[in-house]
Amino acid sequence: MDWTALWLSLRLAGWTVIVLLPVAVFFGRFMAYRSFGGKGLIEALVMLPLVLPPTVFGYYLLVGFGRNAPIGAFWQEMFGHPLVFSFQGLVLASIIFNLPFAIQPAQRGFEAVPIEVREAAQCCGMSPLRSLWQVELPLAWPGLMTAMVLSFAHTLGEFGIVLMVGGSIPGETRTIAIAIYDRVQAFDDTAAATMSAVLVAISLFTIAATYWLSARVGRRLG
């Protein structure tokens, strides 16, 4: 069992969710409440990671994060090491690749908030920030929970993006999915089966905890 790879995967998934949650709240709310020209195009761009093969998407990220690209050059200048084949590069790639898994459920969650409720909050003199915190977020909670769970679970199972952007550097970019692949390639079925079972157990626990938390929040709101 490669515990280092498992811990790295959990860190990667955790940072991805932490960064994506405020992004999902902001963009999900904006896309749910605003109508403007080009909205369909923006939604299509957000959904792009779902339709592109991970290796293709990973290739473009690899090029975009390279030393000759503006982002990669800026990172190299600021931190003294390349963005590709680093944990930070994996986090950034995972955030971009998981945008549809975070924004779409959040958008649907905010769309489910009745407009009458938001108007009532405004009539009561609530500021937009207070209305968001005390009214909209509790009602949009199921969508936000779905966004976090999907992003976390999808990050744990990422393979193509991780391999293209991070490679398989032990302790730096070798995630549990890459470790399983390496064990299969080495005909170590026992280790591969053990790591796969651990990954399944973590995913099931995450889903169960989410359902429990959502039910508890629903009872409190009810």
Protein backbone atom coordinates (compact mmCIF):
# COMPACT_ATOMS: atom_id res chain seq x y z
CA MET A 1 0.00 0.00 0.00
CA ASP A 2 1.45 3.36 -1.07
CA TRP A 3 0.39 5.62 1.81
CA THR A 4 2.38 8.55 0.43
CA ALA A 5 0.42 8.44 -2.82
CA LEU A 6 -2.86 8.20 -0.90
CA TRP A 7 -2.00 11.18 1.30
CA LEU A 8 -0.95 13.18 -1.76
CA SER A 9 -4.27 12.36 -3.46
CA LEU A 10 -6.23 13.46 -0.39
CA ARG A 11 -4.24 16.70 -0.22
CA LEU A 12 -4.83 17.32 -3.91
CA ALA A 13 -8.57 16.68 -3.59
CA GLY A 14 -8.79 18.81 -0.45
CA TRP A 15 -7.05 21.82 -1.97
CA THR A 16 -9.12 21.48 -5.12
CA VAL A 17 -12.37 21.61 -3.14
CA ILE A 18 -11.16 24.47 -0.91
CA VAL A 19 -10.31 26.65 -3.91
CA LEU A 20 -13.30 25.63 -6.03
CA LEU A 21 -15.97 26.22 -3.37
CA PRO A 22 -15.84 30.05 -3.43
CA VAL A 23 -15.42 29.94 -7.21
CA ALA A 24 -18.53 27.75 -7.49
CA VAL A 25 -20.52 30.04 -5.19
CA PHE A 26 -19.57 33.19 -7.11
CA PHE A 27 -19.90 31.89 -10.67
CA GLY A 28 -22.80 29.54 -9.89
CA ARG A 29 -24.80 32.40 -8.37
CA PHE A 30 -23.84 34.77 -11.18
CA MET A 31 -24.84 32.31 -13.91
CA ALA A 32 -28.08 31.44 -12.10
CA TYR A 33 -29.30 35.01 -11.62
CA ARG A 34 -28.00 36.82 -14.70
CA SER A 35 -29.06 36.73 -18.33
CA PHE A 36 -26.68 38.26 -20.87
CA GLY A 37 -25.37 37.79 -24.35
CA GLY A 38 -22.78 35.05 -24.58
CA LYS A 39 -24.04 33.21 -21.49
CA GLY A 40 -24.44 30.02 -23.53
CA LEU A 41 -20.87 30.33 -24.78
CA ILE A 42 -19.52 30.70 -21.24
CA GLU A 43 -21.52 27.67 -20.09
CA ALA A 44 -20.13 25.70 -23.03
CA LEU A 45 -16.56 26.70 -22.14
CA VAL A 46 -17.12 25.64 -18.53
CA MET A 47 -18.36 22.25 -19.76
CA LEU A 48 -15.37 21.78 -22.10
CA PRO A 49 -13.40 19.51 -19.70
CA LEU A 50 -16.31 17.06 -19.77
CA VAL A 51 -16.17 16.50 -23.52
CA LEU A 52 -12.43 16.65 -24.17
CA PRO A 53 -10.37 13.51 -23.54
CA PRO A 54 -8.30 13.99 -20.36
CA THR A 55 -5.06 13.43 -22.26
CA VAL A 56 -5.96 16.15 -24.79
CA PHE A 57 -6.99 18.57 -22.06
CA GLY A 58 -3.88 17.62 -20.11
CA TYR A 59 -1.70 18.29 -23.15
CA TYR A 60 -3.02 21.83 -23.50
CA LEU A 61 -2.51 22.41 -19.79
CA LEU A 62 1.03 21.05 -20.11
CA VAL A 63 1.71 23.53 -22.91
CA GLY A 64 0.03 26.37 -21.01
CA PHE A 65 2.00 25.66 -17.83
CA GLY A 66 5.33 25.23 -19.64
CA ARG A 67 8.28 27.59 -19.27
CA ASN A 68 7.61 29.16 -22.67
CA ALA A 69 4.00 30.05 -21.79
CA PRO A 70 3.12 33.22 -19.82
CA ILE A 71 1.73 31.33 -16.81
CA GLY A 72 4.65 28.92 -16.63
CA ALA A 73 7.23 31.66 -17.14
CA PHE A 74 5.64 33.81 -14.42
CA TRP A 75 5.61 30.88 -11.99
CA GLN A 76 9.24 30.04 -12.76
CA GLU A 77 10.25 33.66 -12.19
CA MET A 78 8.30 34.00 -8.93
CA PHE A 79 9.03 30.67 -7.25
CA GLY A 80 12.18 29.43 -8.93
CA HIS A 81 10.82 26.08 -10.12
CA PRO A 82 8.62 24.99 -13.03
CA LEU A 83 4.87 24.69 -12.62
CA VAL A 84 4.68 21.42 -14.54
CA PHE A 85 5.68 18.23 -12.70
CA SER A 86 4.97 19.89 -9.35
CA PHE A 87 2.21 19.52 -6.76
CA GLN A 88 1.18 23.13 -7.29
CA GLY A 89 0.78 22.46 -11.00
CA LEU A 90 -1.40 19.45 -10.19
CA VAL A 91 -3.62 21.58 -7.95
CA LEU A 92 -4.06 24.24 -10.63
CA ALA A 93 -4.74 21.63 -13.32
CA SER A 94 -7.24 19.85 -11.08
CA ILE A 95 -9.06 23.11 -10.33
CA ILE A 96 -9.44 23.89 -14.03
CA PHE A 97 -10.44 20.34 -14.94
CA ASN A 98 -13.07 20.19 -12.17
CA LEU A 99 -14.74 23.52 -12.97
CA PRO A 100 -17.85 21.89 -14.53
CA PHE A 101 -18.23 19.52 -11.58
CA ALA A 102 -18.28 22.48 -9.20
CA ILE A 103 -20.02 25.28 -11.10
CA GLN A 104 -22.88 23.33 -12.69
CA PRO A 105 -24.32 21.85 -9.45
CA ALA A 106 -23.84 25.17 -7.67
CA GLN A 107 -25.67 26.97 -10.46
CA ARG A 108 -28.56 24.51 -10.25
CA GLY A 109 -28.62 24.98 -6.49
CA PHE A 110 -28.98 28.75 -6.76
CA GLU A 111 -31.55 28.40 -9.54
CA ALA A 112 -33.68 26.40 -7.09
CA VAL A 113 -33.86 29.36 -4.69
CA PRO A 114 -37.29 30.98 -5.31
CA ILE A 115 -37.09 34.54 -6.57
CA GLU A 116 -39.81 35.48 -4.07
CA VAL A 117 -37.49 34.52 -1.23
CA ARG A 118 -34.67 36.70 -2.55
CA GLU A 119 -37.07 39.61 -3.10
CA ALA A 120 -38.42 39.19 0.43
CA ALA A 121 -34.88 39.36 1.79
CA GLN A 122 -34.32 42.61 -0.10
CA CYS A 123 -37.61 44.04 1.18
CA CYS A 124 -36.48 43.24 4.74
CA GLY A 125 -33.45 45.46 4.19
CA MET A 126 -30.88 42.70 3.94
CA SER A 127 -27.66 43.58 2.16
CA PRO A 128 -26.70 41.35 -0.78
CA LEU A 129 -23.94 39.75 1.30
CA ARG A 130 -26.25 39.08 4.25
CA SER A 131 -28.92 37.71 1.92
CA LEU A 132 -26.35 35.39 0.37
CA TRP A 133 -25.09 34.15 3.73
CA GLN A 134 -28.37 33.80 5.62
CA VAL A 135 -30.91 33.05 2.87
CA GLU A 136 -29.42 31.84 -0.39
CA LEU A 137 -26.56 29.62 0.78
CA PRO A 138 -28.72 27.51 3.14
CA LEU A 139 -31.30 26.97 0.38
CA ALA A 140 -28.66 26.26 -2.27
CA TRP A 141 -26.78 23.92 0.10
CA PRO A 142 -27.72 20.66 -1.69
CA GLY A 143 -26.23 21.93 -4.93
CA LEU A 144 -23.09 23.15 -3.18
CA MET A 145 -22.67 19.83 -1.39
CA THR A 146 -23.00 18.02 -4.70
CA ALA A 147 -20.36 20.31 -6.18
CA MET A 148 -17.91 19.57 -3.36
CA VAL A 149 -18.48 15.81 -3.43
CA LEU A 150 -18.17 15.55 -7.20
CA SER A 151 -15.01 17.66 -7.23
CA PHE A 152 -13.44 15.67 -4.38
CA ALA A 153 -14.32 12.24 -5.77
CA HIS A 154 -13.37 13.16 -9.33
CA THR A 155 -10.01 14.50 -8.19
CA LEU A 156 -9.23 11.26 -6.34
CA GLY A 157 -9.75 9.30 -9.55
CA GLU A 158 -7.97 11.65 -11.96
CA PHE A 159 -5.44 9.86 -14.13
CA GLY A 160 -4.91 11.41 -17.56
CA ILE A 161 -4.58 14.99 -16.32
CA VAL A 162 -2.25 13.97 -13.50
CA LEU A 163 -0.06 11.91 -15.79
CA MET A 164 0.22 14.66 -18.42
CA VAL A 165 0.82 17.60 -16.09
CA GLY A 166 2.55 15.94 -13.14
CA GLY A 167 4.01 12.67 -14.33
CA SER A 168 4.73 10.10 -11.62
CA ILE A 169 7.20 11.65 -9.18
CA PRO A 170 7.07 9.87 -5.79
CA GLY A 171 6.01 12.21 -2.99
CA GLU A 172 5.36 15.06 -5.42
CA THR A 173 2.94 14.08 -8.18
CA ARG A 174 2.33 10.32 -7.88
CA THR A 175 -1.29 10.06 -6.81
CA ILE A 176 -3.11 6.91 -5.76
CA ALA A 177 -4.54 6.48 -9.28
CA ILE A 178 -1.04 6.62 -10.78
CA ALA A 179 0.26 4.25 -8.09
CA ILE A 180 -2.47 1.73 -8.94
CA TYR A 181 -1.53 1.94 -12.62
CA ASP A 182 2.15 1.44 -11.79
CA ARG A 183 1.35 -1.64 -9.68
CA VAL A 184 -0.77 -3.11 -12.47
CA GLN A 185 2.08 -2.53 -14.93
CA ALA A 186 4.40 -4.34 -12.51
CA PHE A 187 1.91 -7.26 -12.22
CA ASP A 188 1.53 -6.56 -8.49
CA ASP A 189 -2.16 -7.40 -8.33
CA THR A 190 -2.27 -7.56 -4.54
CA ALA A 191 -1.07 -3.99 -4.06
CA ALA A 192 -3.28 -2.73 -6.89
CA ALA A 193 -6.34 -4.43 -5.41
CA THR A 194 -5.60 -3.08 -1.93
CA MET A 195 -5.20 0.51 -3.12
CA SER A 196 -8.31 0.22 -5.29
CA ALA A 197 -10.33 -1.03 -2.32
CA VAL A 198 -9.10 1.85 -0.16
CA LEU A 199 -10.07 4.33 -2.88
CA VAL A 200 -13.55 2.80 -3.16
CA ALA A 201 -13.95 2.92 0.63
CA ILE A 202 -13.00 6.60 0.77
CA SER A 203 -15.44 7.43 -2.03
CA LEU A 204 -18.29 5.54 -0.35
CA PHE A 205 -17.54 7.20 3.00
CA THR A 206 -17.53 10.63 1.36
CA ILE A 207 -20.88 10.03 -0.32
CA ALA A 208 -22.44 8.62 2.86
CA ALA A 209 -21.18 11.54 4.94
CA THR A 210 -22.58 13.97 2.38
CA TYR A 211 -26.03 12.39 2.45
CA TRP A 212 -26.01 12.42 6.24
CA LEU A 213 -24.95 16.06 6.40
CA SER A 214 -27.46 17.11 3.73
CA ALA A 215 -30.27 15.34 5.60
CA ARG A 216 -29.26 17.01 8.86
CA VAL A 217 -29.16 20.46 7.24
CA GLY A 218 -32.51 19.77 5.58
CA ARG A 219 -34.09 18.92 8.94
CA ARG A 220 -32.73 22.08 10.50
CA LEU A 221 -34.03 24.22 7.64
CA GLY A 222 -37.37 22.43 7.77
